[in-house]
Structures are given as structure tokens and as C-alpha cells.
Protein backbone atom coordinates (compact mmCIF):
# COMPACT_ATOMS: atom_id res chain seq x y z
CA MET A 1 -12.68 36.57 -19.46
CA SER A 2 -10.02 34.08 -18.39
CA LYS A 3 -7.34 35.07 -15.93
CA LEU A 4 -3.87 34.10 -17.13
CA LEU A 5 -1.41 32.49 -14.70
CA THR A 6 2.20 31.74 -15.67
CA PRO A 7 3.80 29.77 -12.81
CA ASP A 8 6.97 27.73 -12.98
CA ILE A 9 5.04 24.57 -12.05
CA CYS A 10 1.38 23.66 -12.33
CA VAL A 11 0.35 20.62 -10.28
CA ILE A 12 -2.93 18.86 -11.03
CA GLY A 13 -4.16 16.89 -8.04
CA ALA A 14 -3.78 17.58 -4.31
CA GLY A 15 -3.17 14.04 -3.10
CA SER A 16 0.05 12.89 -1.47
CA GLY A 17 2.16 13.21 -4.63
CA GLY A 18 0.82 16.57 -5.78
CA LEU A 19 1.00 18.11 -2.33
CA SER A 20 4.60 16.95 -1.93
CA VAL A 21 5.61 18.55 -5.23
CA ALA A 22 3.81 21.80 -4.40
CA ALA A 23 5.27 22.06 -0.87
CA ALA A 24 8.83 21.29 -1.97
CA ALA A 25 8.72 23.70 -4.91
CA ALA A 26 7.27 26.46 -2.75
CA ALA A 27 10.01 25.89 -0.17
CA PHE A 28 12.56 26.72 -2.89
CA GLY A 29 10.71 29.91 -3.76
CA VAL A 30 9.25 28.57 -6.97
CA GLU A 31 5.87 29.87 -8.16
CA VAL A 32 3.32 27.04 -8.05
CA VAL A 33 -0.32 26.63 -9.03
CA LEU A 34 -2.07 23.64 -7.45
CA ILE A 35 -5.39 22.49 -8.89
CA GLU A 36 -7.80 20.14 -7.10
CA LYS A 37 -11.43 19.51 -8.00
CA GLY A 38 -12.19 17.30 -4.99
CA LYS A 39 -10.98 17.17 -1.40
CA MET A 40 -7.54 18.34 -0.40
CA GLY A 41 -5.45 15.38 0.69
CA GLY A 42 -6.87 13.17 -2.02
CA ASP A 43 -7.74 9.52 -1.67
CA CYS A 44 -5.18 8.63 1.00
CA LEU A 45 -6.39 11.11 3.61
CA ASN A 46 -10.10 10.98 2.91
CA TYR A 47 -10.90 7.50 1.60
CA GLY A 48 -7.81 5.32 1.75
CA CYS A 49 -4.77 4.83 3.95
CA VAL A 50 -5.80 7.05 6.85
CA PRO A 51 -9.41 5.94 7.43
CA SER A 52 -8.66 2.28 6.71
CA LYS A 53 -5.82 2.16 9.23
CA ALA A 54 -7.97 3.97 11.79
CA LEU A 55 -10.74 1.40 11.36
CA LEU A 56 -8.18 -1.41 11.58
CA ALA A 57 -6.99 0.09 14.86
CA ALA A 58 -10.55 -0.01 16.20
CA GLY A 59 -10.83 -3.66 15.22
CA LYS A 60 -7.47 -4.42 16.80
CA ALA A 61 -8.62 -2.85 20.06
CA VAL A 62 -11.50 -5.33 20.15
CA GLN A 63 -9.11 -8.19 19.48
CA ASN A 64 -6.75 -7.05 22.23
CA VAL A 65 -9.61 -7.18 24.75
CA GLN A 66 -10.48 -10.68 23.63
CA LYS A 67 -6.84 -11.78 23.97
CA ALA A 68 -6.38 -10.26 27.42
CA ALA A 69 -7.27 -13.47 29.28
CA ARG A 70 -4.06 -15.21 28.22
CA PHE A 71 -2.12 -12.54 30.13
CA GLY A 72 -4.14 -13.15 33.26
CA VAL A 73 -6.46 -10.21 32.70
CA PRO A 74 -10.13 -11.19 32.95
CA PHE A 75 -12.49 -9.57 30.48
CA GLU A 76 -16.06 -9.46 29.32
CA GLU A 77 -16.97 -9.81 25.66
CA PRO A 78 -16.77 -6.24 24.30
CA ASP A 79 -19.94 -4.49 23.18
CA VAL A 80 -18.87 -2.77 19.98
CA ASP A 81 -20.30 0.66 19.20
CA PHE A 82 -19.70 0.88 15.46
CA ALA A 83 -20.74 4.53 15.31
CA LYS A 84 -18.04 5.45 17.81
CA ALA A 85 -15.51 3.42 15.82
CA ASN A 86 -16.50 5.53 12.83
CA ASP A 87 -16.13 8.66 14.97
CA HIS A 88 -12.54 7.59 15.64
CA VAL A 89 -11.97 7.34 11.89
CA GLN A 90 -13.33 10.83 11.30
CA LYS A 91 -11.30 12.29 14.19
CA VAL A 92 -8.09 10.87 12.73
CA ILE A 93 -8.89 12.41 9.34
CA ALA A 94 -9.69 15.73 11.00
CA ALA A 95 -6.40 15.68 12.95
CA ILE A 96 -4.33 15.23 9.78
CA GLU A 97 -6.48 17.43 7.54
CA PRO A 98 -4.89 20.82 8.41
CA HIS A 99 -1.51 19.60 7.11
CA ASP A 100 -3.08 19.06 3.68
CA SER A 101 -5.43 22.04 3.74
CA GLN A 102 -5.85 24.81 1.22
CA GLU A 103 -5.07 27.36 3.93
CA ARG A 104 -1.70 25.77 4.73
CA PHE A 105 -0.62 25.65 1.11
CA GLU A 106 -1.74 29.19 0.42
CA GLY A 107 0.32 30.13 3.48
CA LEU A 108 3.30 28.49 1.77
CA GLY A 109 2.75 30.77 -1.21
CA VAL A 110 0.98 28.25 -3.46
CA THR A 111 -1.94 29.42 -5.60
CA VAL A 112 -4.69 26.85 -5.00
CA LEU A 113 -7.56 26.48 -7.47
CA ARG A 114 -10.49 24.28 -6.46
CA GLU A 115 -11.60 23.46 -9.98
CA ALA A 116 -11.45 20.66 -12.56
CA ALA A 117 -8.36 20.94 -14.77
CA GLU A 118 -8.23 20.27 -18.50
CA PHE A 119 -5.45 20.63 -21.04
CA THR A 120 -6.53 22.60 -24.10
CA ALA A 121 -3.07 22.59 -25.68
CA PRO A 122 0.31 20.92 -24.98
CA ASP A 123 1.26 23.81 -22.69
CA VAL A 124 -2.10 25.18 -21.51
CA VAL A 125 -4.46 24.07 -18.74
CA VAL A 126 -7.84 25.62 -18.07
CA ALA A 127 -9.35 25.49 -14.57
CA GLY A 128 -12.57 27.43 -14.03
CA ASN A 129 -11.95 30.96 -15.27
CA HIS A 130 -8.16 30.54 -15.10
CA GLU A 131 -5.80 29.73 -17.93
CA ILE A 132 -2.47 28.34 -16.76
CA ARG A 133 0.63 28.43 -18.96
CA ALA A 134 3.37 26.84 -16.87
CA ARG A 135 6.99 25.96 -17.59
CA ARG A 136 6.29 22.42 -16.35
CA PHE A 137 3.16 20.48 -15.42
CA VAL A 138 2.81 17.57 -12.98
CA ILE A 139 -0.24 15.33 -13.22
CA ALA A 140 -0.99 13.68 -9.87
CA THR A 141 -4.70 12.91 -10.12
CA GLY A 142 -4.50 9.48 -8.48
CA SER A 143 -6.99 6.67 -9.01
CA THR A 144 -10.47 5.52 -8.08
CA ALA A 145 -11.98 2.15 -7.28
CA LEU A 146 -12.23 -0.09 -10.33
CA VAL A 147 -15.80 -1.35 -10.63
CA PRO A 148 -15.87 -4.60 -12.64
CA PRO A 149 -18.71 -5.17 -15.13
CA ILE A 150 -20.59 -7.65 -12.95
CA PRO A 151 -24.21 -8.08 -14.08
CA GLY A 152 -26.59 -6.46 -11.61
CA LEU A 153 -23.90 -4.65 -9.63
CA ASP A 154 -25.10 -1.29 -10.89
CA GLN A 155 -28.57 -2.09 -9.55
CA VAL A 156 -27.49 -2.40 -5.90
CA PRO A 157 -26.12 0.26 -3.53
CA TYR A 158 -22.58 -1.13 -3.51
CA LEU A 159 -19.77 0.42 -1.49
CA THR A 160 -16.26 1.44 -2.52
CA ASN A 161 -13.49 2.90 -0.38
CA GLU A 162 -15.06 6.33 -1.01
CA THR A 163 -18.34 5.40 0.70
CA LEU A 164 -17.35 2.61 3.11
CA PHE A 165 -16.25 4.95 5.88
CA THR A 166 -19.61 6.72 6.02
CA LEU A 167 -21.31 3.67 7.59
CA ARG A 168 -22.64 4.29 11.09
CA GLU A 169 -23.94 0.79 11.80
CA THR A 170 -22.17 -2.56 11.69
CA PRO A 171 -22.99 -4.35 8.42
CA GLU A 172 -24.89 -7.54 9.18
CA HIS A 173 -23.04 -9.39 6.42
CA LEU A 174 -20.39 -7.65 4.32
CA GLY A 175 -19.66 -9.27 0.96
CA ILE A 176 -16.33 -8.14 -0.47
CA VAL A 177 -15.44 -8.44 -4.15
CA GLY A 178 -11.64 -8.66 -4.20
CA GLY A 179 -9.09 -10.43 -2.01
CA GLY A 180 -6.20 -8.00 -2.31
CA PRO A 181 -4.76 -5.88 0.53
CA ILE A 182 -7.73 -3.47 0.68
CA GLY A 183 -10.32 -6.23 0.62
CA LEU A 184 -8.65 -8.30 3.32
CA GLU A 185 -7.79 -5.36 5.58
CA MET A 186 -11.42 -4.30 5.55
CA ALA A 187 -12.59 -7.89 5.93
CA GLN A 188 -10.63 -8.29 9.16
CA ALA A 189 -11.56 -4.86 10.52
CA HIS A 190 -15.30 -5.39 9.99
CA ARG A 191 -15.23 -8.98 11.25
CA ARG A 192 -13.60 -7.85 14.49
CA LEU A 193 -16.17 -5.08 14.83
CA GLY A 194 -19.01 -7.58 14.66
CA ALA A 195 -19.90 -8.09 10.99
CA LYS A 196 -20.15 -11.39 9.20
CA VAL A 197 -17.77 -11.21 6.22
CA THR A 198 -17.40 -13.14 2.96
CA VAL A 199 -14.61 -12.42 0.46
CA PHE A 200 -14.73 -13.42 -3.21
CA GLU A 201 -11.43 -13.42 -5.10
CA ALA A 202 -11.33 -14.42 -8.78
CA GLN A 203 -7.63 -15.30 -8.63
CA THR A 204 -5.42 -15.88 -5.57
CA ALA A 205 -5.88 -13.76 -2.46
CA LEU A 206 -2.80 -11.60 -1.76
CA GLY A 207 -1.44 -12.95 -5.03
CA LYS A 208 1.46 -10.47 -5.25
CA ASP A 209 3.01 -11.65 -1.98
CA ASP A 210 5.02 -14.71 -0.97
CA PRO A 211 2.52 -17.62 -1.10
CA GLU A 212 3.68 -19.22 2.14
CA LEU A 213 3.56 -16.00 4.14
CA ALA A 214 0.30 -14.84 2.54
CA GLY A 215 -1.14 -18.19 3.57
CA ILE A 216 -0.44 -17.37 7.22
CA VAL A 217 -2.51 -14.18 6.90
CA LEU A 218 -5.35 -16.03 5.18
CA ASP A 219 -5.37 -18.78 7.81
CA THR A 220 -5.54 -16.14 10.54
CA LEU A 221 -8.50 -14.38 8.94
CA LYS A 222 -10.31 -17.66 8.41
CA GLY A 223 -9.65 -18.51 12.04
CA GLU A 224 -11.35 -15.25 13.03
CA GLY A 225 -14.43 -16.20 11.03
CA VAL A 226 -13.82 -14.48 7.67
CA GLU A 227 -15.11 -16.64 4.83
CA ILE A 228 -12.70 -16.49 1.87
CA PHE A 229 -13.36 -17.96 -1.57
CA GLU A 230 -10.31 -17.96 -3.86
CA LYS A 231 -10.39 -18.56 -7.60
CA THR A 232 -14.08 -17.82 -7.40
CA ALA A 233 -15.42 -15.13 -9.72
CA VAL A 234 -18.60 -13.20 -8.98
CA GLU A 235 -21.05 -13.78 -11.84
CA LYS A 236 -23.97 -11.61 -10.78
CA VAL A 237 -25.41 -9.51 -7.99
CA GLU A 238 -29.14 -9.29 -7.36
CA CYS A 239 -31.24 -7.13 -5.06
CA LEU A 240 -34.04 -9.38 -3.79
CA ASP A 241 -36.72 -8.94 -1.15
CA ASP A 242 -34.52 -10.47 1.55
CA GLY A 243 -31.43 -8.47 0.67
CA ILE A 244 -28.55 -8.63 -1.77
CA VAL A 245 -27.60 -11.99 -3.24
CA VAL A 246 -24.09 -12.53 -4.63
CA THR A 247 -23.65 -15.45 -7.01
CA ALA A 248 -20.14 -16.66 -7.83
CA ARG A 249 -18.53 -19.69 -9.43
CA SER A 250 -15.24 -21.42 -8.64
CA GLU A 251 -12.76 -22.44 -11.30
CA ASP A 252 -14.04 -26.01 -10.85
CA GLY A 253 -17.52 -24.85 -11.79
CA GLU A 254 -18.96 -25.03 -8.28
CA PRO A 255 -21.61 -22.33 -7.65
CA VAL A 256 -21.35 -20.19 -4.52
CA THR A 257 -24.29 -18.07 -3.37
CA ARG A 258 -24.39 -15.76 -0.37
CA ALA A 259 -27.07 -13.38 0.86
CA VAL A 260 -25.39 -10.24 2.19
CA SER A 261 -26.47 -6.90 3.58
CA HIS A 262 -23.69 -4.85 1.95
CA VAL A 263 -21.33 -5.26 -1.00
CA LEU A 264 -17.85 -3.69 -0.98
CA VAL A 265 -16.04 -3.51 -4.31
CA ALA A 266 -12.29 -3.81 -3.73
CA ALA A 267 -11.21 -5.24 -7.07
CA GLY A 268 -8.37 -2.88 -7.92
CA ARG A 269 -7.90 0.73 -8.97
CA ALA A 270 -8.44 2.72 -12.16
CA PRO A 271 -6.27 5.77 -13.00
CA ASN A 272 -8.01 9.15 -13.07
CA VAL A 273 -7.36 10.19 -16.66
CA GLU A 274 -10.84 11.11 -17.83
CA GLY A 275 -11.57 14.78 -18.48
CA LEU A 276 -7.92 15.87 -18.38
CA GLY A 277 -7.72 16.58 -22.10
CA LEU A 278 -4.66 14.36 -22.49
CA GLU A 279 -5.18 14.13 -26.24
CA ALA A 280 -4.89 17.92 -26.53
CA ALA A 281 -1.78 17.76 -24.36
CA HIS A 282 -0.23 15.09 -26.62
CA VAL A 283 0.12 12.79 -23.60
CA SER A 284 -0.03 9.05 -24.24
CA TYR A 285 -2.06 6.88 -21.89
CA SER A 286 -3.95 3.60 -21.63
CA HIS A 287 -6.39 1.94 -19.24
CA LYS A 288 -3.37 1.28 -17.00
CA GLY A 289 -2.54 4.96 -16.69
CA ILE A 290 -0.37 7.66 -18.23
CA THR A 291 2.74 6.38 -19.97
CA VAL A 292 5.95 7.72 -18.41
CA ASP A 293 9.66 7.07 -18.85
CA HIS A 294 12.11 6.19 -16.06
CA GLY A 295 12.27 9.88 -15.18
CA LEU A 296 8.44 10.11 -14.91
CA ARG A 297 8.11 12.29 -18.01
CA THR A 298 5.20 11.73 -20.33
CA SER A 299 5.29 11.78 -24.15
CA ASN A 300 5.05 15.58 -23.74
CA LYS A 301 8.37 16.48 -22.14
CA LYS A 302 6.87 19.50 -20.40
CA ILE A 303 4.53 17.23 -18.48
CA TYR A 304 5.29 14.70 -15.71
CA ALA A 305 2.93 12.15 -14.15
CA ILE A 306 3.36 10.65 -10.69
CA GLY A 307 1.49 8.37 -8.32
CA ASP A 308 -1.43 6.11 -9.18
CA VAL A 309 -2.27 7.92 -12.41
CA ALA A 310 1.10 6.84 -13.81
CA GLY A 311 0.30 3.16 -13.27
CA GLY A 312 2.83 0.84 -11.66
CA LEU A 313 2.94 0.41 -7.90
CA GLN A 314 0.01 2.26 -6.34
CA PHE A 315 1.07 3.35 -2.88
CA THR A 316 1.11 6.69 -1.10
CA HIS A 317 4.82 6.37 -0.35
CA VAL A 318 5.53 5.75 -4.04
CA ALA A 319 3.76 8.99 -4.95
CA GLY A 320 5.78 10.83 -2.31
CA HIS A 321 9.04 9.33 -3.54
CA GLN A 322 8.20 10.20 -7.14
CA ALA A 323 7.42 13.76 -6.09
CA GLY A 324 10.99 14.07 -4.83
CA LEU A 325 12.35 12.73 -8.10
CA VAL A 326 10.28 15.20 -10.11
CA ILE A 327 11.47 18.12 -7.99
CA ARG A 328 15.09 17.10 -8.60
CA SER A 329 14.42 16.87 -12.32
CA ILE A 330 12.49 20.14 -12.72
CA LEU A 331 14.35 22.42 -10.33
CA PHE A 332 17.88 21.06 -10.51
CA ARG A 333 17.83 19.33 -13.89
CA LEU A 334 19.35 16.23 -12.36
CA PRO A 335 18.91 12.84 -14.03
CA VAL A 336 16.43 10.72 -12.07
CA LYS A 337 15.20 7.16 -12.38
CA MET A 338 12.29 5.45 -10.68
CA GLN A 339 13.49 2.14 -9.23
CA THR A 340 10.59 -0.13 -8.35
CA GLU A 341 12.83 -2.72 -6.70
CA ILE A 342 13.51 -0.42 -3.74
CA VAL A 343 9.80 0.13 -3.03
CA PRO A 344 8.43 -1.73 0.02
CA TRP A 345 4.80 -2.51 0.67
CA VAL A 346 2.80 -3.66 3.67
CA THR A 347 -0.65 -5.18 4.10
CA TYR A 348 -1.86 -4.01 7.51
CA THR A 349 -3.81 -7.06 8.57
CA SER A 350 -2.97 -8.82 11.82
CA PRO A 351 -0.46 -10.30 11.29
CA GLU A 352 1.02 -7.69 8.97
CA LEU A 353 2.56 -8.75 5.68
CA GLY A 354 5.53 -6.88 4.19
CA HIS A 355 7.69 -7.13 1.07
CA ILE A 356 10.73 -5.39 -0.42
CA GLY A 357 12.89 -6.10 -3.46
CA LEU A 358 12.82 -9.23 -5.62
CA THR A 359 10.57 -12.17 -4.90
CA GLU A 360 12.20 -15.58 -4.57
CA ALA A 361 11.01 -16.53 -8.07
CA GLU A 362 12.38 -13.30 -9.59
CA ALA A 363 15.72 -13.74 -7.81
CA ARG A 364 16.11 -17.34 -9.02
CA ALA A 365 15.21 -16.33 -12.57
CA ARG A 366 18.10 -13.81 -12.52
CA HIS A 367 20.70 -15.62 -10.43
CA GLY A 368 19.76 -19.30 -10.46
CA LYS A 369 21.53 -21.48 -7.91
CA LYS A 370 23.39 -18.49 -6.44
CA VAL A 371 20.27 -17.56 -4.48
CA ASN A 372 19.90 -18.52 -0.82
CA VAL A 373 16.62 -18.11 1.07
CA LEU A 374 17.22 -17.54 4.77
CA SER A 375 14.52 -17.46 7.40
CA ALA A 376 13.78 -16.76 11.04
CA ALA A 377 10.56 -17.66 12.82
CA TYR A 378 8.78 -15.32 15.21
CA ALA A 379 8.48 -18.26 17.61
CA GLY A 380 12.26 -18.14 18.04
CA ASN A 381 12.27 -14.44 18.94
CA ASP A 382 12.18 -13.56 22.64
CA ARG A 383 10.18 -10.34 22.20
CA ALA A 384 7.56 -12.17 20.15
CA GLN A 385 7.29 -14.76 22.92
CA ALA A 386 6.91 -12.08 25.59
CA GLU A 387 4.19 -10.30 23.60
CA GLY A 388 2.40 -13.53 22.70
CA GLU A 389 2.88 -12.75 19.00
CA THR A 390 4.63 -15.91 17.85
CA ILE A 391 2.79 -16.35 14.55
CA GLY A 392 5.09 -15.12 11.80
CA LYS A 393 8.20 -15.56 9.74
CA LEU A 394 10.92 -13.53 8.05
CA LYS A 395 12.56 -14.50 4.76
CA LEU A 396 15.72 -12.92 3.37
CA ILE A 397 16.66 -13.57 -0.24
CA ALA A 398 20.45 -13.47 -0.63
CA GLY A 399 22.14 -13.39 -4.01
CA PRO A 400 25.74 -13.56 -5.22
CA GLY A 401 28.18 -12.37 -2.59
CA GLY A 402 25.48 -12.47 0.03
CA ARG A 403 23.82 -9.30 -1.26
CA LEU A 404 20.26 -8.79 -0.06
CA LEU A 405 17.97 -9.01 -3.10
CA GLY A 406 14.61 -9.13 -1.39
CA ALA A 407 12.74 -9.82 1.81
CA ASP A 408 9.30 -10.95 2.92
CA ILE A 409 7.90 -10.90 6.42
CA VAL A 410 4.63 -11.79 8.09
CA GLY A 411 3.97 -11.13 11.75
CA ALA A 412 3.50 -8.45 14.36
CA GLN A 413 4.97 -5.05 13.36
CA ALA A 414 6.15 -6.43 10.03
CA GLY A 415 5.74 -2.94 8.61
CA GLU A 416 8.28 -1.60 11.08
CA VAL A 417 10.81 -4.39 10.50
CA ILE A 418 10.57 -3.92 6.73
CA ASN A 419 11.90 -0.36 7.18
CA LEU A 420 15.35 -1.69 8.05
CA LEU A 421 15.26 -4.08 5.11
CA SER A 422 14.14 -1.31 2.77
CA LEU A 423 17.22 0.69 3.77
CA ALA A 424 19.39 -2.41 3.29
CA ILE A 425 18.04 -2.95 -0.23
CA SER A 426 18.51 0.68 -1.22
CA LYS A 427 22.12 0.67 0.07
CA LYS A 428 22.91 -2.72 -1.50
CA MET A 429 23.81 -4.29 1.83
CA THR A 430 24.93 -7.88 2.26
CA MET A 431 24.33 -10.62 4.81
CA LYS A 432 27.59 -9.52 6.42
CA ASP A 433 26.11 -6.07 7.03
CA LEU A 434 22.86 -7.45 8.42
CA ALA A 435 24.61 -9.99 10.62
CA GLY A 436 26.96 -7.36 12.00
CA PHE A 437 24.63 -4.64 13.28
CA ILE A 438 23.66 -4.53 16.96
CA ALA A 439 19.95 -4.90 17.66
CA PRO A 440 18.70 -3.94 21.13
CA TYR A 441 17.38 -6.90 23.10
CA PRO A 442 14.61 -7.94 23.07
CA THR A 443 13.24 -6.57 19.80
CA LEU A 444 11.68 -7.98 16.68
CA GLY A 445 14.59 -6.47 14.75
CA GLU A 446 16.69 -9.38 15.99
CA LEU A 447 14.85 -11.50 13.43
CA VAL A 448 16.92 -9.80 10.73
CA ARG A 449 20.24 -10.62 12.40
CA ARG A 450 19.19 -14.17 13.10
CA ALA A 451 18.24 -14.84 9.49
CA ALA A 452 21.38 -13.13 8.17
CA ILE A 453 23.69 -15.10 10.47
CA SER A 454 22.25 -18.34 9.11
CA TYR A 455 23.87 -17.43 5.77
CA TYR A 456 27.15 -18.52 7.35
CA ALA A 457 25.86 -21.87 8.62
CA ASP A 458 28.08 -23.73 6.15
CA ALA A 459 31.17 -21.69 7.00
CA PRO A 460 32.82 -24.50 9.04
CA LYS A 461 32.96 -26.55 5.84
CA ASN A 462 35.35 -24.01 4.33
CA ALA A 463 38.89 -25.47 4.21
CA TRP A 464 40.62 -22.19 5.07
CA LEU A 465 38.33 -21.64 8.06
CA ARG A 466 38.93 -25.21 9.29
CA ARG A 467 42.68 -24.62 9.05
CA GLY A 468 42.37 -21.38 11.05
CA ILE A 469 40.34 -23.09 13.75
CA GLY A 470 42.91 -25.86 13.91
CA LEU A 471 45.78 -23.40 14.36
CA LEU A 472 43.83 -21.56 17.03
CA ARG A 473 43.34 -24.76 18.97
CA LYS A 474 47.01 -25.75 18.53
CA PHE A 475 48.62 -22.48 19.52
CA GLY A 476 45.79 -20.76 21.35
């Protein structure tokens, strides 16, 4: 016999978005049921952001040793222990895990069910022997690695982000299908930890980012020994006596064949919509995810969808932001709107690559000749010179009235610098604002001021300003 639960909110999925909704609602004394069929913490904690950044840190440590000589510190070529690098990854996950645990959320007053959830009606979810009839539902089931229909791929033991971090030995030759952020982050990490790496990208690597700045990242990876084939689609994968053979073809028709020891599929993400009973819930969806309006409501107004499962930008911080919007909508009945233009993203290669707001092309399409692109090079920044991190560049995209419309940055700590620019975008700041703040010296944040000040490079041509300077010289 089913046990009936009637909470105010039922959350399906205990990843970053679902956990944020559950924790916030519980803090306001709202009755919450949280359902998770897999691991608490979802993809980000167990298979995504956390382990990937931990492995990147291990690879960066190797690189720092190799770069030590330029600072007058002699070194020996490091002997990488890949198993211990993996231990570091697992320790980082274990350190964060309690914050996302079932015990913590039950301590907050949340009812946690470790079962698969399925809608059986527009206002009913069944999970194990529980029937949940909630006032509102939030679907936050995330996404999984998209596995393209490449002939032969299903016949080899390929890796995805869910299995990559179980490796205990350095791959002899890692072949990566996909040249997006995940593919290139893992390419650099494994190359630095001793693997030979080849990346196959059917389109343009880092295609969503500024082409010039993305090119700096690609050149760096190639310089470290990562082999990158762009506009080269994988046609088949074979498991032969001497290993796995990947066969690809460029857009010019040139064949590319590589024998690899491991294949990592990093060709995008697929929303987790299967098995949820969305038809019974009267929730519209497609292969891109659940359809939501600007307020993150589905076609069933009792049900919201947030994070990767709702399509759009697939980042942990987006899921967290959307969780806040949903809480405002459900608990306080406030109008909310998801604004994608205020969402930053960062690719955590070395150098890092960050973006916020409109791209240059988008800005020119909207504002034409009223757009100015301002830049500052890392080589002109004193902190970058002191740290030996002079590869990089910042671009600010200024629109009418000098308003900041977008920004792109490549270089050391780009992810930290983009924080300031994310705030500036959200608060509709102008070049005047960015030129006027005081940055401590020497910091990479000075790049922002330097680029913003260049907006006024033509100011002396202004007739009124020339007249003022003339009067100052005459009577000053």
C-alpha cells in the first residue's frame, strides 16, 4: 500500500538546482519532499565540475613544476603518480559530499526519498511505495553525456564524464570526441599528467566563445602537445587487436586515423527526461529538454523545471540561480524572469577563458556602429608580468552611452576577473563606472580599468573639452 505525502513542494533531483530549492524552502519552514534515484549532489559533485577541476589542479601542479626554472628554481622532471592524482579527486569529492548529503537535508527537515520518480497524473508523483501530491513540483533531474550514433562506438569501452574519474592509470593515448569546454579541459589535464591526447571536433573547438580568444587557448594546448582536429567528424570506432582505432574525416574529405588506448565522449549533454512520466503530467518537452517560460514554469503550471533538464545554458551556477527564482515564485508569488544575458561562463583550461553578456557579433547586430570593442593585454599588466602570466587579453563590448554589453577574457584567473564584469552587466554599468573604480595595485583587475579608460581615448577631439583645456591653460 502506497504511503501518501502532501508537501508544499516536491523536488525531483538532488543536484545543485534541486538541493538549492530544497534547502531554501526548508529554511522558510516549508514542507519539502526531495527525490533522488542516484547520488546526492548530482552530476556536478560526483562526475562534473568538482572532479574535473580537481584533476585540472593536479595537472596544473605538474605544469608549475615544469615552469619553475624561469623563476630561478631548479627542478627535475616530475614523476606523475596518476593514482594519487585520482586520490586527490576523490578526496575533494568526499570533502564536499557532507554538504549535499541525505543526512544534512533530513536534518534541515526535508523528507528525502532515494527512489526513481514518475508522474502518474498532472499533480501526482510516485516514488517507490510513496505517492506524493504536492502544491508545486520542481523537476531538476539534470543531464547526462550525449553519446552520438558513431558506428562501432557501442562496441568499445568508451568513457564519459561518469566513468572518466575512475581511472587509476594514465591513459597511454586518450582520444576525445568533442572539442567543447569539457573535452578541452580534460585534454589539457590528461596531457599534463602524462597521456598522449587527440581531440576530434566536428565543428569549431570552443565555438561558443570569442574566436580570437578561443584561439589563444587552442594554441596553448597545441603547444603542450595536445593534437586537435577541428571540423573533423568521427566516422567510426573499431576495437582491433592493437587497441581502439578512431577514424575521422575533415570537411575537405581528408581521412584521419588514430590508434588510441581510451575514448572519451564529450560531445554535449542530453536532458534527463526519460522515465519521468511527463506525458501523464501534461508537461511538454523535446530532445533539447523540458519547455519552460521565462518564469521557468512548464506547460503544467504546477510544475517548474530548472537546470540542465530545462535546456538552455547548462551550468551549475545557472541551476543555482534558477532555484532562487523558483523559490521567489512559489513562496512569495513574485514575478520572475530568467535572463540569460547576465549568465557568465568559464572554461577552466590554462589559460582560462571567460564570457559574459553579448558577443561582439550580437552587440553589432543590435546596435550597429554604436558598438565599441575595447581591449587590454595581459602583457601590459604589472601583476601578469610579475607572475609570468602574460598570455591573455580582455575585451569589453561597449554600447550606446558606454554601457557594458558584454565581455570576453582569456588568461590567468579569467574566471575571477569575470566576476566583476558579471556584476557590471547585471547592474547595467557603463565605461564611466568601470574606469572610475579603484583597483588595488598590482592586480589583474586593473585590466578592467585599463580597457574602460580607453573608451575615452578620443575625448580630446571633443570641442567642448578642447575649450575647457584651453581655458585651464589660459587662466590656470
